[in-house]
Amino acid sequence: MATAATAGSVVLFSGYYNTGYLADTWMWNGTVWTQQVPATAPPGRNYSAMASDGTTGDVVVFGGTNSSLLQSGDTWTSNGVT
């Protein structure tokens, strides 16, 4: 989870269910959770780092492991829209 300053929300990405890692993106506006469906999104993962970029207000997701437990070194950013 991280704060998306540009969207005025908190962003939650990924998770786990019986079928494996989820690639869900959810936003909390202080009242309700809303699932987001971006055109491009990272694959589901575990043990990743997520933070807010204080300069741009974007949310950054880095690394983690996939369902095969392979480590990833990719970086993704979101401005709340894309």
Protein backbone atom coordinates (compact mmCIF):
# COMPACT_ATOMS: atom_id res chain seq x y z
CA MET A 1 0.00 0.00 0.00
CA ALA A 2 1.05 3.56 -0.65
CA THR A 3 -0.47 7.02 -0.80
CA ALA A 4 -1.25 8.32 -4.29
CA ALA A 5 -1.03 12.06 -3.69
CA THR A 6 -2.07 12.95 -7.26
CA ALA A 7 -5.25 10.90 -6.90
CA GLY A 8 -5.90 11.81 -3.25
CA SER A 9 -6.17 8.11 -2.40
CA VAL A 10 -4.37 5.11 -0.96
CA VAL A 11 -3.42 2.42 -3.47
CA LEU A 12 -3.31 -1.31 -2.73
CA PHE A 13 -1.68 -3.61 -5.28
CA SER A 14 -1.47 -7.39 -5.52
CA GLY A 15 -2.41 -10.06 -3.06
CA TYR A 16 -2.74 -13.82 -2.77
CA TYR A 17 -5.64 -16.22 -3.17
CA ASN A 18 -5.82 -20.03 -3.49
CA THR A 19 -5.16 -19.73 -7.22
CA GLY A 20 -1.97 -17.69 -6.78
CA TYR A 21 -0.88 -14.08 -6.77
CA LEU A 22 -3.41 -11.49 -7.79
CA ALA A 23 -2.63 -8.43 -9.89
CA ASP A 24 -5.50 -6.38 -8.45
CA THR A 25 -5.23 -2.63 -7.99
CA TRP A 26 -7.59 -0.98 -5.49
CA MET A 27 -7.94 2.65 -4.41
CA TRP A 28 -9.30 3.90 -1.07
CA ASN A 29 -10.61 7.48 -1.11
CA GLY A 30 -11.30 7.59 2.63
CA THR A 31 -14.80 6.19 2.26
CA VAL A 32 -14.88 3.30 -0.25
CA TRP A 33 -12.53 0.87 -1.99
CA THR A 34 -12.74 0.94 -5.80
CA GLN A 35 -11.08 -1.62 -8.03
CA GLN A 36 -9.01 -0.06 -10.79
CA VAL A 37 -8.47 -1.67 -14.19
CA PRO A 38 -5.45 0.07 -15.75
CA ALA A 39 -4.58 -0.68 -19.39
CA THR A 40 -1.13 -1.81 -18.26
CA ALA A 41 -0.27 -3.27 -14.87
CA PRO A 42 2.50 -5.32 -13.32
CA PRO A 43 1.95 -9.04 -12.87
CA GLY A 44 0.88 -10.24 -9.43
CA ARG A 45 3.69 -10.56 -6.93
CA ASN A 46 4.66 -11.00 -3.32
CA TYR A 47 7.39 -9.35 -1.21
CA SER A 48 7.50 -6.22 -3.36
CA ALA A 49 8.15 -2.69 -2.14
CA MET A 50 5.60 0.07 -2.72
CA ALA A 51 6.01 3.75 -1.91
CA SER A 52 4.95 7.26 -2.88
CA ASP A 53 7.27 9.43 -4.94
CA GLY A 54 7.35 12.72 -3.04
CA THR A 55 8.39 14.68 -6.14
CA THR A 56 5.77 13.47 -8.63
CA GLY A 57 3.09 12.14 -6.28
CA ASP A 58 3.14 8.85 -8.20
CA VAL A 59 3.13 5.41 -6.59
CA VAL A 60 6.13 3.19 -7.28
CA VAL A 61 6.19 -0.62 -7.08
CA PHE A 62 9.54 -2.40 -7.17
CA GLY A 63 10.57 -6.04 -7.29
CA GLY A 64 9.06 -8.96 -5.45
CA THR A 65 8.60 -12.60 -6.37
CA ASN A 66 6.15 -14.22 -8.76
CA SER A 67 4.13 -17.40 -8.21
CA SER A 68 7.19 -19.48 -9.21
CA LEU A 69 9.17 -17.68 -6.48
CA LEU A 70 11.41 -16.06 -9.09
CA GLN A 71 12.69 -12.66 -8.04
CA SER A 72 11.83 -9.63 -10.12
CA GLY A 73 13.81 -6.40 -10.44
CA ASP A 74 11.24 -4.41 -12.39
CA THR A 75 9.87 -0.99 -11.44
CA TRP A 76 6.34 0.29 -12.14
CA THR A 77 4.84 3.72 -11.52
CA SER A 78 1.25 4.95 -11.44
CA ASN A 79 -0.20 8.44 -11.28
CA GLY A 80 -3.63 7.12 -10.27
CA VAL A 81 -4.84 7.02 -13.87
CA THR A 82 -2.12 5.18 -15.81
